[in-house]
Amino acid sequence: MSGERLLSLIQQESEGTISVRQQLLASLRDAEYRHEFVRERVHSSVALQIRSLRKQRNNMTQAELGAAIGMAQTWVSKLENPEYGKMTVETLLRLAVAFDSDLEIKFRPFSRTLDTLPNQGPEYFYVPSFTDEFETSEADTAGGSAYDTSQYAITATAGLGSVGSGSRQYDQPPRIGPGQELSAAAGAQHRAAR
């Protein structure tokens, strides 16, 4: 699967979402396709995020970003190429510093991809810097954010749960959901149990 094919799936109109989802699911049933899809999606997504974030940061040039991460402009050009795909976690961490953003690398179920990929638009690639997100203002002193993070608020009032089978049990942090807060007691209980 090429980067162009992935982008075309992302850019489908919302009325075609059901058919795109069904088409993608049918394709993902083939293990070889599924493995190549993950490779292409990751390479394309990371490259597009780097390009998008560079432009979001005052239209930073590739040379300016290269200077910020200690690489030549030619390397930044490679990082922004969906076909390159050989970046290291260390390079991604340096980019996170240059963009003043967090970085999350996470495995996820294919169902999440099926639910989100057909609906991704330009806002998917928008990531405010820490300063933009938490401007020194009344919102910051009140514990708020200039960027709407309400969907990311988390809470847990229950204790730890267990995951596993047989005699081997794994402590799991409390489940938290949108609009909830992580209580200090639950957090302390989780840390003490580790």
Protein backbone atom coordinates (compact mmCIF):
# COMPACT_ATOMS: atom_id res chain seq x y z
CA MET A 1 0.00 0.00 0.00
CA SER A 2 1.47 3.34 -1.00
CA GLY A 3 1.37 6.55 1.00
CA GLU A 4 -0.91 8.02 -1.68
CA ARG A 5 -3.43 5.20 -1.21
CA LEU A 6 -3.43 5.76 2.55
CA LEU A 7 -3.94 9.49 2.08
CA SER A 8 -6.82 8.87 -0.30
CA LEU A 9 -8.51 6.73 2.35
CA ILE A 10 -8.02 9.46 4.94
CA GLN A 11 -9.39 12.17 2.66
CA GLN A 12 -12.65 10.37 1.77
CA GLU A 13 -15.85 12.36 2.30
CA SER A 14 -17.74 11.54 5.50
CA GLU A 15 -20.74 10.10 3.63
CA GLY A 16 -18.44 7.38 2.30
CA THR A 17 -17.16 6.47 5.76
CA ILE A 18 -19.14 3.24 6.07
CA SER A 19 -17.99 1.91 2.70
CA VAL A 20 -14.39 2.98 3.33
CA ARG A 21 -14.47 1.26 6.73
CA GLN A 22 -15.93 -1.90 5.22
CA GLN A 23 -13.42 -1.83 2.36
CA LEU A 24 -10.53 -1.36 4.78
CA LEU A 25 -11.77 -4.15 7.06
CA ALA A 26 -12.06 -6.52 4.11
CA SER A 27 -8.50 -5.66 3.06
CA LEU A 28 -7.15 -6.04 6.61
CA ARG A 29 -8.41 -9.62 6.78
CA ASP A 30 -5.40 -10.54 4.64
CA ALA A 31 -2.41 -10.82 7.02
CA GLU A 32 0.18 -9.73 4.45
CA TYR A 33 -1.85 -6.65 3.54
CA ARG A 34 -2.48 -5.90 7.24
CA HIS A 35 1.24 -5.93 8.08
CA GLU A 36 2.14 -3.74 5.10
CA PHE A 37 -0.76 -1.40 5.94
CA VAL A 38 0.61 -0.81 9.45
CA ARG A 39 4.08 -0.10 8.03
CA GLU A 40 2.75 2.36 5.45
CA ARG A 41 0.33 4.04 7.86
CA VAL A 42 3.04 4.62 10.47
CA HIS A 43 5.59 5.89 7.93
CA SER A 44 3.07 8.18 6.24
CA SER A 45 1.52 9.46 9.45
CA VAL A 46 4.84 10.28 11.13
CA ALA A 47 6.22 12.00 8.02
CA LEU A 48 3.03 14.05 7.57
CA GLN A 49 3.00 14.99 11.27
CA ILE A 50 6.60 16.21 11.09
CA ARG A 51 5.85 18.35 8.03
CA SER A 52 2.62 19.68 9.54
CA LEU A 53 4.19 20.53 12.91
CA ARG A 54 7.13 22.25 11.24
CA LYS A 55 4.72 24.49 9.32
CA GLN A 56 2.58 25.08 12.43
CA ARG A 57 5.66 26.41 14.23
CA ASN A 58 5.80 29.79 12.45
CA ASN A 59 6.35 28.11 9.10
CA MET A 60 9.75 26.83 10.24
CA THR A 61 12.03 25.83 7.36
CA GLN A 62 13.60 22.41 7.09
CA ALA A 63 16.99 24.02 7.75
CA GLU A 64 15.67 25.66 10.95
CA LEU A 65 14.20 22.37 12.15
CA GLY A 66 17.44 20.60 11.27
CA ALA A 67 19.40 23.09 13.38
CA ALA A 68 16.97 22.56 16.28
CA ILE A 69 17.44 18.78 16.24
CA GLY A 70 21.10 18.69 15.25
CA MET A 71 20.60 17.33 11.73
CA ALA A 72 21.19 18.66 8.24
CA GLN A 73 18.27 19.97 6.19
CA THR A 74 18.60 16.93 3.90
CA TRP A 75 17.81 14.65 6.85
CA VAL A 76 14.71 16.68 7.72
CA SER A 77 13.62 16.28 4.11
CA LYS A 78 14.01 12.50 4.49
CA LEU A 79 12.05 12.51 7.76
CA GLU A 80 9.18 14.27 5.97
CA ASN A 81 9.18 11.69 3.17
CA PRO A 82 6.59 8.92 3.80
CA GLU A 83 8.77 6.49 1.83
CA TYR A 84 11.80 6.95 4.15
CA GLY A 85 10.54 5.48 7.42
CA LYS A 86 13.90 4.85 9.11
CA MET A 87 13.65 7.32 11.97
CA THR A 88 14.64 6.27 15.45
CA VAL A 89 12.84 6.84 18.72
CA GLU A 90 15.71 9.17 19.67
CA THR A 91 15.08 11.28 16.56
CA LEU A 92 11.36 11.41 17.38
CA LEU A 93 12.23 12.54 20.92
CA ARG A 94 14.45 15.32 19.53
CA LEU A 95 11.59 16.38 17.26
CA ALA A 96 9.23 16.47 20.25
CA VAL A 97 11.65 18.85 21.99
CA ALA A 98 11.94 21.03 18.87
CA PHE A 99 8.14 21.14 18.52
CA ASP A 100 7.67 21.59 22.30
CA SER A 101 5.15 18.77 22.31
CA ASP A 102 4.58 15.41 23.93
CA LEU A 103 5.29 12.18 22.06
CA GLU A 104 3.29 8.99 22.38
CA ILE A 105 4.27 5.71 20.76
CA LYS A 106 1.54 3.20 21.40
CA PHE A 107 0.32 -0.12 20.06
CA ARG A 108 -3.41 -0.15 19.43
CA PRO A 109 -6.15 -2.45 18.16
CA PHE A 110 -7.15 -2.36 14.50
CA SER A 111 -10.71 -1.40 15.54
CA ARG A 112 -9.39 2.01 16.58
CA THR A 113 -7.81 2.46 13.15
CA LEU A 114 -11.04 1.42 11.44
CA ASP A 115 -12.99 3.93 13.53
CA THR A 116 -10.63 6.89 13.15
CA LEU A 117 -8.77 6.65 9.85
CA PRO A 118 -11.68 7.35 7.49
CA ASN A 119 -12.61 10.45 9.51
CA GLN A 120 -9.19 12.05 9.84
CA GLY A 121 -8.90 15.56 8.51
CA PRO A 122 -6.37 18.37 8.82
CA GLU A 123 -7.17 18.79 12.54
CA TYR A 124 -5.64 15.34 13.14
CA PHE A 125 -2.22 16.85 12.50
CA TYR A 126 -2.70 19.93 14.69
CA VAL A 127 -0.65 19.78 17.89
CA PRO A 128 -0.15 22.97 19.89
CA SER A 129 3.17 23.60 21.59
CA PHE A 130 3.18 23.56 25.38
CA THR A 131 3.32 27.37 25.38
CA ASP A 132 0.38 27.63 22.96
CA GLU A 133 -1.60 25.06 24.90
CA PHE A 134 -0.93 26.49 28.34
CA GLU A 135 -0.42 30.20 27.72
CA THR A 136 0.55 32.24 30.74
CA SER A 137 -2.87 33.68 31.37
CA GLU A 138 -5.82 33.40 33.67
CA ALA A 139 -6.52 29.95 32.18
CA ASP A 140 -3.06 28.78 33.28
CA THR A 141 -3.32 30.10 36.82
CA ALA A 142 -6.79 28.59 37.16
CA GLY A 143 -5.42 25.20 36.15
CA GLY A 144 -6.99 25.44 32.71
CA SER A 145 -5.68 25.33 29.21
CA ALA A 146 -5.99 27.69 26.27
CA TYR A 147 -6.49 24.53 24.18
CA ASP A 148 -9.68 22.53 24.76
CA THR A 149 -8.48 19.44 26.61
CA SER A 150 -11.84 18.54 28.17
CA GLN A 151 -12.01 15.35 26.15
CA TYR A 152 -8.75 14.22 27.71
CA ALA A 153 -9.67 14.72 31.37
CA ILE A 154 -9.28 11.48 33.28
CA THR A 155 -10.68 10.00 36.45
CA ALA A 156 -10.52 6.95 38.57
CA THR A 157 -12.10 6.54 41.93
CA ALA A 158 -11.82 2.76 42.09
CA GLY A 159 -8.76 0.84 43.18
CA LEU A 160 -6.59 -1.42 41.10
CA GLY A 161 -7.99 -4.19 38.99
CA SER A 162 -6.23 -7.35 37.91
CA VAL A 163 -5.57 -8.71 34.47
CA GLY A 164 -4.33 -12.19 33.78
CA SER A 165 -5.26 -15.79 34.08
CA GLY A 166 -4.36 -18.64 36.37
CA SER A 167 -1.97 -17.85 39.18
CA ARG A 168 -0.31 -14.97 37.34
CA GLN A 169 -2.08 -11.67 37.90
CA TYR A 170 -0.91 -8.26 36.70
CA ASP A 171 -1.78 -5.07 38.48
CA GLN A 172 -3.50 -2.64 36.21
CA PRO A 173 -3.99 1.07 36.83
CA PRO A 174 -7.56 2.16 37.40
CA ARG A 175 -9.63 2.62 34.25
CA ILE A 176 -10.30 6.25 33.56
CA GLY A 177 -12.76 7.86 31.21
CA PRO A 178 -13.56 11.19 29.59
CA GLY A 179 -14.67 13.91 31.97
CA GLN A 180 -13.29 12.10 35.00
CA GLU A 181 -10.41 12.93 37.32
CA LEU A 182 -7.68 10.68 38.69
CA SER A 183 -8.08 10.81 42.45
CA ALA A 184 -4.95 11.16 44.56
CA ALA A 185 -5.98 8.09 46.56
CA ALA A 186 -6.29 5.90 43.46
CA GLY A 187 -2.93 7.10 42.14
CA ALA A 188 -1.23 6.48 45.48
CA GLN A 189 -2.84 3.04 45.74
CA HIS A 190 -1.55 2.13 42.25
CA ARG A 191 2.01 3.32 43.05
CA ALA A 192 2.03 1.41 46.37
CA ALA A 193 0.87 -1.80 44.69
CA ARG A 194 3.71 -1.80 42.10
